[in-house]
Amino acid sequence: MAARRERSERGALRLDPRLIIGIVLIAGSTFGVWSLVTGLDDGVEVYVARDTLTPGTRIQADDLATETVRLGASGARYLVADGLPDDGLVVARTIEAGELVPEAAVDETDRTGLATVVVPSRGPLPAEIAPGARVDVWTAKQVERGGFEPPAVLVSDAEIAGIIESEGMVSTDGTSVELLIPREKVAALLGALAAGDAIDLVPARATGE
């Protein structure tokens, strides 16, 4: 009987604990690599502004580019690709060129209270004047014999929506500037334009300067 028991034990499968530990370690390593690769591929396609977008501008998908980014939980703050309605969205605050489009920066309706007025430039524009920049609109009322009254600020901190270059013009003379101004200032600015008053745009100082 003793000999039979010995042969039975000798033929039984014995598992080395070190083998079991090795199998567990390999399985854990494989799962870790899989999780890492899955995480790296967790990108979201969002919209990016091709050019600087100013408040009141209605945008369509063609006005934007797309980019796949990995933002984690913050990805919900940005406008995902194919997230634009058929009639587009209205820009609520300035979005710089190359910036991801935040959900909070667009709206279905125009709530900015701004209007666009085109102001012809009387001469070369300062280098700081570009879409998205802020300017003060100075006017000097025209009086008799071609004179002008002392200038004063008519609209402060207006935003530039765009620059319109006259076709065929080599110099900067003839350039016009699209300004975004409060609607309550539109009548006064249009009146100054119609009266032939001198109008100049001066880069606005940043708050605190």
C-alpha atoms as a PDB file:
ATOM      1  CA  MET A   1       0.000   0.000   0.000  1.00  0.00           C
ATOM      2  CA  ALA A   2       2.837   2.384   0.870  1.00  0.00           C
ATOM      3  CA  ALA A   3       4.474   1.831  -2.520  1.00  0.00           C
ATOM      4  CA  ARG A   4       1.157   2.454  -4.346  1.00  0.00           C
ATOM      5  CA  ARG A   5       0.575   5.697  -2.411  1.00  0.00           C
ATOM      6  CA  GLU A   6       4.097   6.872  -3.200  1.00  0.00           C
ATOM      7  CA  ARG A   7       3.613   6.262  -6.949  1.00  0.00           C
ATOM      8  CA  SER A   8       0.259   8.140  -6.802  1.00  0.00           C
ATOM      9  CA  GLU A   9       1.815  11.174  -5.128  1.00  0.00           C
ATOM     10  CA  ARG A  10       4.741  11.065  -7.524  1.00  0.00           C
ATOM     11  CA  GLY A  11       2.360  11.200 -10.554  1.00  0.00           C
ATOM     12  CA  ALA A  12       0.215  14.042  -9.124  1.00  0.00           C
ATOM     13  CA  LEU A  13       0.638  17.588 -10.620  1.00  0.00           C
ATOM     14  CA  ARG A  14       2.403  19.935  -8.254  1.00  0.00           C
ATOM     15  CA  LEU A  15       2.137  23.734  -8.863  1.00  0.00           C
ATOM     16  CA  ASP A  16       5.111  25.790  -7.842  1.00  0.00           C
ATOM     17  CA  PRO A  17       3.907  28.956  -5.996  1.00  0.00           C
ATOM     18  CA  ARG A  18       6.515  30.940  -7.911  1.00  0.00           C
ATOM     19  CA  LEU A  19       4.821  29.930 -11.167  1.00  0.00           C
ATOM     20  CA  ILE A  20       1.466  31.202  -9.915  1.00  0.00           C
ATOM     21  CA  ILE A  21       3.003  34.513  -8.860  1.00  0.00           C
ATOM     22  CA  GLY A  22       4.640  34.869 -12.275  1.00  0.00           C
ATOM     23  CA  ILE A  23       1.351  34.292 -14.082  1.00  0.00           C
ATOM     24  CA  VAL A  24      -0.367  36.941 -11.932  1.00  0.00           C
ATOM     25  CA  LEU A  25       2.409  39.458 -12.595  1.00  0.00           C
ATOM     26  CA  ILE A  26       2.263  38.895 -16.371  1.00  0.00           C
ATOM     27  CA  ALA A  27      -1.534  39.279 -16.383  1.00  0.00           C
ATOM     28  CA  GLY A  28      -1.297  42.481 -14.368  1.00  0.00           C
ATOM     29  CA  SER A  29       1.369  43.914 -16.673  1.00  0.00           C
ATOM     30  CA  THR A  30      -0.693  43.083 -19.761  1.00  0.00           C
ATOM     31  CA  PHE A  31      -3.767  44.794 -18.298  1.00  0.00           C
ATOM     32  CA  GLY A  32      -1.704  47.857 -17.408  1.00  0.00           C
ATOM     33  CA  VAL A  33      -0.362  48.210 -20.943  1.00  0.00           C
ATOM     34  CA  TRP A  34      -3.868  47.800 -22.384  1.00  0.00           C
ATOM     35  CA  SER A  35      -5.239  50.474 -20.047  1.00  0.00           C
ATOM     36  CA  LEU A  36      -2.428  52.866 -21.008  1.00  0.00           C
ATOM     37  CA  VAL A  37      -2.972  52.427 -24.738  1.00  0.00           C
ATOM     38  CA  THR A  38      -6.722  52.836 -24.319  1.00  0.00           C
ATOM     39  CA  GLY A  39      -6.207  56.026 -22.325  1.00  0.00           C
ATOM     40  CA  LEU A  40      -3.840  57.520 -24.905  1.00  0.00           C
ATOM     41  CA  ASP A  41      -6.419  56.936 -27.617  1.00  0.00           C
ATOM     42  CA  ASP A  42      -9.169  58.698 -25.639  1.00  0.00           C
ATOM     43  CA  GLY A  43      -9.182  61.847 -27.811  1.00  0.00           C
ATOM     44  CA  VAL A  44     -12.090  64.180 -28.525  1.00  0.00           C
ATOM     45  CA  GLU A  45     -12.549  66.072 -31.797  1.00  0.00           C
ATOM     46  CA  VAL A  46     -13.361  69.711 -31.051  1.00  0.00           C
ATOM     47  CA  TYR A  47     -13.724  72.918 -33.064  1.00  0.00           C
ATOM     48  CA  VAL A  48     -10.854  75.416 -33.380  1.00  0.00           C
ATOM     49  CA  ALA A  49     -11.138  79.016 -34.604  1.00  0.00           C
ATOM     50  CA  ARG A  50      -9.416  79.460 -37.983  1.00  0.00           C
ATOM     51  CA  ASP A  51      -9.305  83.252 -37.531  1.00  0.00           C
ATOM     52  CA  THR A  52     -10.101  85.626 -34.684  1.00  0.00           C
ATOM     53  CA  LEU A  53     -13.866  85.592 -34.071  1.00  0.00           C
ATOM     54  CA  THR A  54     -15.491  88.679 -32.570  1.00  0.00           C
ATOM     55  CA  PRO A  55     -18.777  89.031 -30.640  1.00  0.00           C
ATOM     56  CA  GLY A  56     -21.939  89.046 -32.733  1.00  0.00           C
ATOM     57  CA  THR A  57     -20.394  86.973 -35.546  1.00  0.00           C
ATOM     58  CA  ARG A  58     -22.528  84.037 -36.675  1.00  0.00           C
ATOM     59  CA  ILE A  59     -20.357  81.022 -37.385  1.00  0.00           C
ATOM     60  CA  GLN A  60     -20.902  77.826 -39.358  1.00  0.00           C
ATOM     61  CA  ALA A  61     -18.860  74.638 -39.464  1.00  0.00           C
ATOM     62  CA  ASP A  62     -16.979  75.947 -42.531  1.00  0.00           C
ATOM     63  CA  ASP A  63     -15.666  78.858 -40.446  1.00  0.00           C
ATOM     64  CA  LEU A  64     -13.933  76.475 -38.037  1.00  0.00           C
ATOM     65  CA  ALA A  65     -11.255  73.813 -38.115  1.00  0.00           C
ATOM     66  CA  THR A  66     -11.255  70.610 -36.068  1.00  0.00           C
ATOM     67  CA  GLU A  67      -8.578  69.096 -33.872  1.00  0.00           C
ATOM     68  CA  THR A  68      -8.413  65.910 -31.832  1.00  0.00           C
ATOM     69  CA  VAL A  69      -7.306  66.660 -28.285  1.00  0.00           C
ATOM     70  CA  ARG A  70      -7.150  64.811 -24.969  1.00  0.00           C
ATOM     71  CA  LEU A  71      -8.768  67.064 -22.391  1.00  0.00           C
ATOM     72  CA  GLY A  72     -10.146  64.575 -19.897  1.00  0.00           C
ATOM     73  CA  ALA A  73     -13.061  65.906 -17.872  1.00  0.00           C
ATOM     74  CA  SER A  74     -12.498  69.461 -19.181  1.00  0.00           C
ATOM     75  CA  GLY A  75     -13.407  68.316 -22.712  1.00  0.00           C
ATOM     76  CA  ALA A  76     -17.083  68.971 -21.937  1.00  0.00           C
ATOM     77  CA  ARG A  77     -16.304  72.712 -21.839  1.00  0.00           C
ATOM     78  CA  TYR A  78     -15.512  72.898 -25.554  1.00  0.00           C
ATOM     79  CA  LEU A  79     -17.645  72.688 -28.684  1.00  0.00           C
ATOM     80  CA  VAL A  80     -17.281  69.190 -30.115  1.00  0.00           C
ATOM     81  CA  ALA A  81     -17.219  68.563 -33.852  1.00  0.00           C
ATOM     82  CA  ASP A  82     -20.680  68.142 -35.396  1.00  0.00           C
ATOM     83  CA  GLY A  83     -22.062  70.072 -32.418  1.00  0.00           C
ATOM     84  CA  LEU A  84     -23.165  73.088 -34.485  1.00  0.00           C
ATOM     85  CA  PRO A  85     -26.856  73.519 -35.336  1.00  0.00           C
ATOM     86  CA  ASP A  86     -27.839  73.982 -38.982  1.00  0.00           C
ATOM     87  CA  ASP A  87     -28.200  77.761 -38.629  1.00  0.00           C
ATOM     88  CA  GLY A  88     -24.893  78.113 -36.778  1.00  0.00           C
ATOM     89  CA  LEU A  89     -24.092  79.861 -33.516  1.00  0.00           C
ATOM     90  CA  VAL A  90     -23.341  83.450 -32.504  1.00  0.00           C
ATOM     91  CA  VAL A  91     -20.006  84.362 -30.929  1.00  0.00           C
ATOM     92  CA  ALA A  92     -20.566  85.845 -27.468  1.00  0.00           C
ATOM     93  CA  ARG A  93     -16.975  86.836 -26.676  1.00  0.00           C
ATOM     94  CA  THR A  94     -13.772  87.134 -28.666  1.00  0.00           C
ATOM     95  CA  ILE A  95     -12.187  83.806 -29.664  1.00  0.00           C
ATOM     96  CA  GLU A  96      -8.585  84.138 -30.798  1.00  0.00           C
ATOM     97  CA  ALA A  97      -7.275  82.389 -33.930  1.00  0.00           C
ATOM     98  CA  GLY A  98      -6.129  78.861 -33.067  1.00  0.00           C
ATOM     99  CA  GLU A  99      -8.141  78.790 -29.819  1.00  0.00           C
ATOM    100  CA  LEU A 100     -10.422  75.866 -28.988  1.00  0.00           C
ATOM    101  CA  VAL A 101     -14.031  77.078 -29.121  1.00  0.00           C
ATOM    102  CA  PRO A 102     -15.493  77.099 -25.579  1.00  0.00           C
ATOM    103  CA  GLU A 103     -19.165  76.248 -25.150  1.00  0.00           C
ATOM    104  CA  ALA A 104     -19.527  79.393 -23.025  1.00  0.00           C
ATOM    105  CA  ALA A 105     -18.223  81.612 -25.875  1.00  0.00           C
ATOM    106  CA  VAL A 106     -21.085  80.859 -28.284  1.00  0.00           C
ATOM    107  CA  ASP A 107     -24.860  81.186 -28.112  1.00  0.00           C
ATOM    108  CA  GLU A 108     -27.860  80.386 -30.286  1.00  0.00           C
ATOM    109  CA  THR A 109     -28.948  84.046 -30.337  1.00  0.00           C
ATOM    110  CA  ASP A 110     -27.120  87.381 -30.341  1.00  0.00           C
ATOM    111  CA  ARG A 111     -27.159  88.686 -26.774  1.00  0.00           C
ATOM    112  CA  THR A 112     -24.127  90.961 -27.073  1.00  0.00           C
ATOM    113  CA  GLY A 113     -26.057  94.219 -27.524  1.00  0.00           C
ATOM    114  CA  LEU A 114     -23.480  95.264 -30.122  1.00  0.00           C
ATOM    115  CA  ALA A 115     -23.783  96.576 -33.663  1.00  0.00           C
ATOM    116  CA  THR A 116     -21.241  96.798 -36.487  1.00  0.00           C
ATOM    117  CA  VAL A 117     -20.374 100.201 -37.962  1.00  0.00           C
ATOM    118  CA  VAL A 118     -17.798 100.715 -40.732  1.00  0.00           C
ATOM    119  CA  VAL A 119     -15.507 103.694 -40.182  1.00  0.00           C
ATOM    120  CA  PRO A 120     -13.198 104.904 -42.995  1.00  0.00           C
ATOM    121  CA  SER A 121      -9.621 105.507 -41.906  1.00  0.00           C
ATOM    122  CA  ARG A 122      -8.208 108.999 -42.441  1.00  0.00           C
ATOM    123  CA  GLY A 123      -4.686 107.657 -42.794  1.00  0.00           C
ATOM    124  CA  PRO A 124      -2.406 104.703 -42.074  1.00  0.00           C
ATOM    125  CA  LEU A 125      -3.626 102.517 -39.247  1.00  0.00           C
ATOM    126  CA  PRO A 126      -1.488 101.788 -36.174  1.00  0.00           C
ATOM    127  CA  ALA A 127       0.025  98.306 -36.148  1.00  0.00           C
ATOM    128  CA  GLU A 128      -1.997  97.458 -33.029  1.00  0.00           C
ATOM    129  CA  ILE A 129      -5.281  97.813 -34.897  1.00  0.00           C
ATOM    130  CA  ALA A 130      -6.336  94.305 -35.939  1.00  0.00           C
ATOM    131  CA  PRO A 131      -9.407  92.081 -35.475  1.00  0.00           C
ATOM    132  CA  GLY A 132     -10.025  91.545 -31.784  1.00  0.00           C
ATOM    133  CA  ALA A 133      -8.131  94.673 -30.698  1.00  0.00           C
ATOM    134  CA  ARG A 134      -9.769  97.426 -28.636  1.00  0.00           C
ATOM    135  CA  VAL A 135      -9.834 101.090 -29.627  1.00  0.00           C
ATOM    136  CA  ASP A 136     -11.265 104.400 -28.472  1.00  0.00           C
ATOM    137  CA  VAL A 137     -13.182 106.340 -31.128  1.00  0.00           C
ATOM    138  CA  TRP A 138     -12.219 110.010 -31.027  1.00  0.00           C
ATOM    139  CA  THR A 139     -14.261 112.591 -32.922  1.00  0.00           C
ATOM    140  CA  ALA A 140     -13.808 116.313 -33.578  1.00  0.00           C
ATOM    141  CA  LYS A 141     -16.855 118.191 -34.782  1.00  0.00           C
ATOM    142  CA  GLN A 142     -16.373 120.128 -38.000  1.00  0.00           C
ATOM    143  CA  VAL A 143     -17.099 123.843 -37.789  1.00  0.00           C
ATOM    144  CA  GLU A 144     -17.106 126.655 -40.304  1.00  0.00           C
ATOM    145  CA  ARG A 145     -14.113 127.382 -42.556  1.00  0.00           C
ATOM    146  CA  GLY A 146     -12.839 123.802 -42.334  1.00  0.00           C
ATOM    147  CA  GLY A 147     -11.976 123.983 -38.683  1.00  0.00           C
ATOM    148  CA  PHE A 148     -12.693 121.432 -35.984  1.00  0.00           C
ATOM    149  CA  GLU A 149     -13.630 121.582 -32.343  1.00  0.00           C
ATOM    150  CA  PRO A 150     -11.355 119.929 -29.743  1.00  0.00           C
ATOM    151  CA  PRO A 151     -11.568 116.118 -30.057  1.00  0.00           C
ATOM    152  CA  ALA A 152     -13.370 113.969 -27.522  1.00  0.00           C
ATOM    153  CA  VAL A 153     -13.977 110.261 -27.046  1.00  0.00           C
ATOM    154  CA  LEU A 154     -17.294 109.264 -28.610  1.00  0.00           C
ATOM    155  CA  VAL A 155     -17.012 105.498 -28.034  1.00  0.00           C
ATOM    156  CA  SER A 156     -14.568 103.960 -25.602  1.00  0.00           C
ATOM    157  CA  ASP A 157     -13.183 100.411 -25.692  1.00  0.00           C
ATOM    158  CA  ALA A 158     -14.781  99.461 -29.023  1.00  0.00           C
ATOM    159  CA  GLU A 159     -13.711  96.149 -30.533  1.00  0.00           C
ATOM    160  CA  ILE A 160     -12.456  95.745 -34.087  1.00  0.00           C
ATOM    161  CA  ALA A 161     -14.412  93.140 -36.035  1.00  0.00           C
ATOM    162  CA  GLY A 162     -12.418  93.384 -39.267  1.00  0.00           C
ATOM    163  CA  ILE A 163     -10.277  95.443 -41.609  1.00  0.00           C
ATOM    164  CA  ILE A 164     -11.555  96.245 -45.114  1.00  0.00           C
ATOM    165  CA  GLU A 165      -8.878  97.049 -47.674  1.00  0.00           C
ATOM    166  CA  SER A 166      -9.991  99.005 -50.721  1.00  0.00           C
ATOM    167  CA  GLU A 167      -9.339  97.056 -53.921  1.00  0.00           C
ATOM    168  CA  GLY A 168      -6.523  98.397 -56.036  1.00  0.00           C
ATOM    169  CA  MET A 169      -5.142 100.567 -53.236  1.00  0.00           C
ATOM    170  CA  VAL A 170      -1.415 100.216 -52.628  1.00  0.00           C
ATOM    171  CA  SER A 171      -1.166 102.387 -49.532  1.00  0.00           C
ATOM    172  CA  THR A 172      -3.213 102.081 -46.370  1.00  0.00           C
ATOM    173  CA  ASP A 173      -5.264 105.145 -47.402  1.00  0.00           C
ATOM    174  CA  GLY A 174      -8.804 104.059 -48.180  1.00  0.00           C
ATOM    175  CA  THR A 175      -8.815 101.330 -45.546  1.00  0.00           C
ATOM    176  CA  SER A 176     -11.995 100.986 -43.502  1.00  0.00           C
ATOM    177  CA  VAL A 177     -12.470  99.438 -40.082  1.00  0.00           C
ATOM    178  CA  GLU A 178     -15.464  97.413 -38.899  1.00  0.00           C
ATOM    179  CA  LEU A 179     -16.193  98.390 -35.300  1.00  0.00           C
ATOM    180  CA  LEU A 180     -18.356  96.625 -32.748  1.00  0.00           C
ATOM    181  CA  ILE A 181     -19.986  99.295 -30.613  1.00  0.00           C
ATOM    182  CA  PRO A 182     -22.943  99.402 -28.181  1.00  0.00           C
ATOM    183  CA  ARG A 183     -26.223  99.889 -30.048  1.00  0.00           C
ATOM    184  CA  GLU A 184     -26.963 103.080 -28.104  1.00  0.00           C
ATOM    185  CA  LYS A 185     -23.812 104.652 -29.607  1.00  0.00           C
ATOM    186  CA  VAL A 186     -24.687 103.853 -33.230  1.00  0.00           C
ATOM    187  CA  ALA A 187     -26.769 106.992 -33.894  1.00  0.00           C
ATOM    188  CA  ALA A 188     -24.069 109.320 -32.567  1.00  0.00           C
ATOM    189  CA  LEU A 189     -21.310 107.674 -34.615  1.00  0.00           C
ATOM    190  CA  LEU A 190     -23.385 107.616 -37.801  1.00  0.00           C
ATOM    191  CA  GLY A 191     -24.243 111.273 -37.230  1.00  0.00           C
ATOM    192  CA  ALA A 192     -20.555 112.143 -36.927  1.00  0.00           C
ATOM    193  CA  LEU A 193     -19.800 110.259 -40.145  1.00  0.00           C
ATOM    194  CA  ALA A 194     -22.619 112.001 -42.016  1.00  0.00           C
ATOM    195  CA  ALA A 195     -21.519 115.447 -40.782  1.00  0.00           C
ATOM    196  CA  GLY A 196     -17.955 114.922 -41.981  1.00  0.00           C
ATOM    197  CA  ASP A 197     -16.488 115.145 -38.487  1.00  0.00           C
ATOM    198  CA  ALA A 198     -12.895 114.013 -38.011  1.00  0.00           C
ATOM    199  CA  ILE A 199     -12.853 110.457 -36.641  1.00  0.00           C
ATOM    200  CA  ASP A 200      -9.731 108.679 -35.416  1.00  0.00           C
ATOM    201  CA  LEU A 201      -9.181 105.312 -33.791  1.00  0.00           C
ATOM    202  CA  VAL A 202      -6.715 105.138 -30.921  1.00  0.00           C
ATOM    203  CA  PRO A 203      -5.646 101.828 -29.350  1.00  0.00           C
ATOM    204  CA  ALA A 204      -7.329 101.579 -25.969  1.00  0.00           C
ATOM    205  CA  ARG A 205      -5.258 101.117 -22.860  1.00  0.00           C
ATOM    206  CA  ALA A 206      -5.655  97.824 -21.043  1.00  0.00           C
ATOM    207  CA  THR A 207      -7.470  98.085 -17.731  1.00  0.00           C
ATOM    208  CA  GLY A 208      -5.085  98.984 -14.943  1.00  0.00           C
ATOM    209  CA  GLU A 209      -2.445 100.670 -17.082  1.00  0.00           C
END
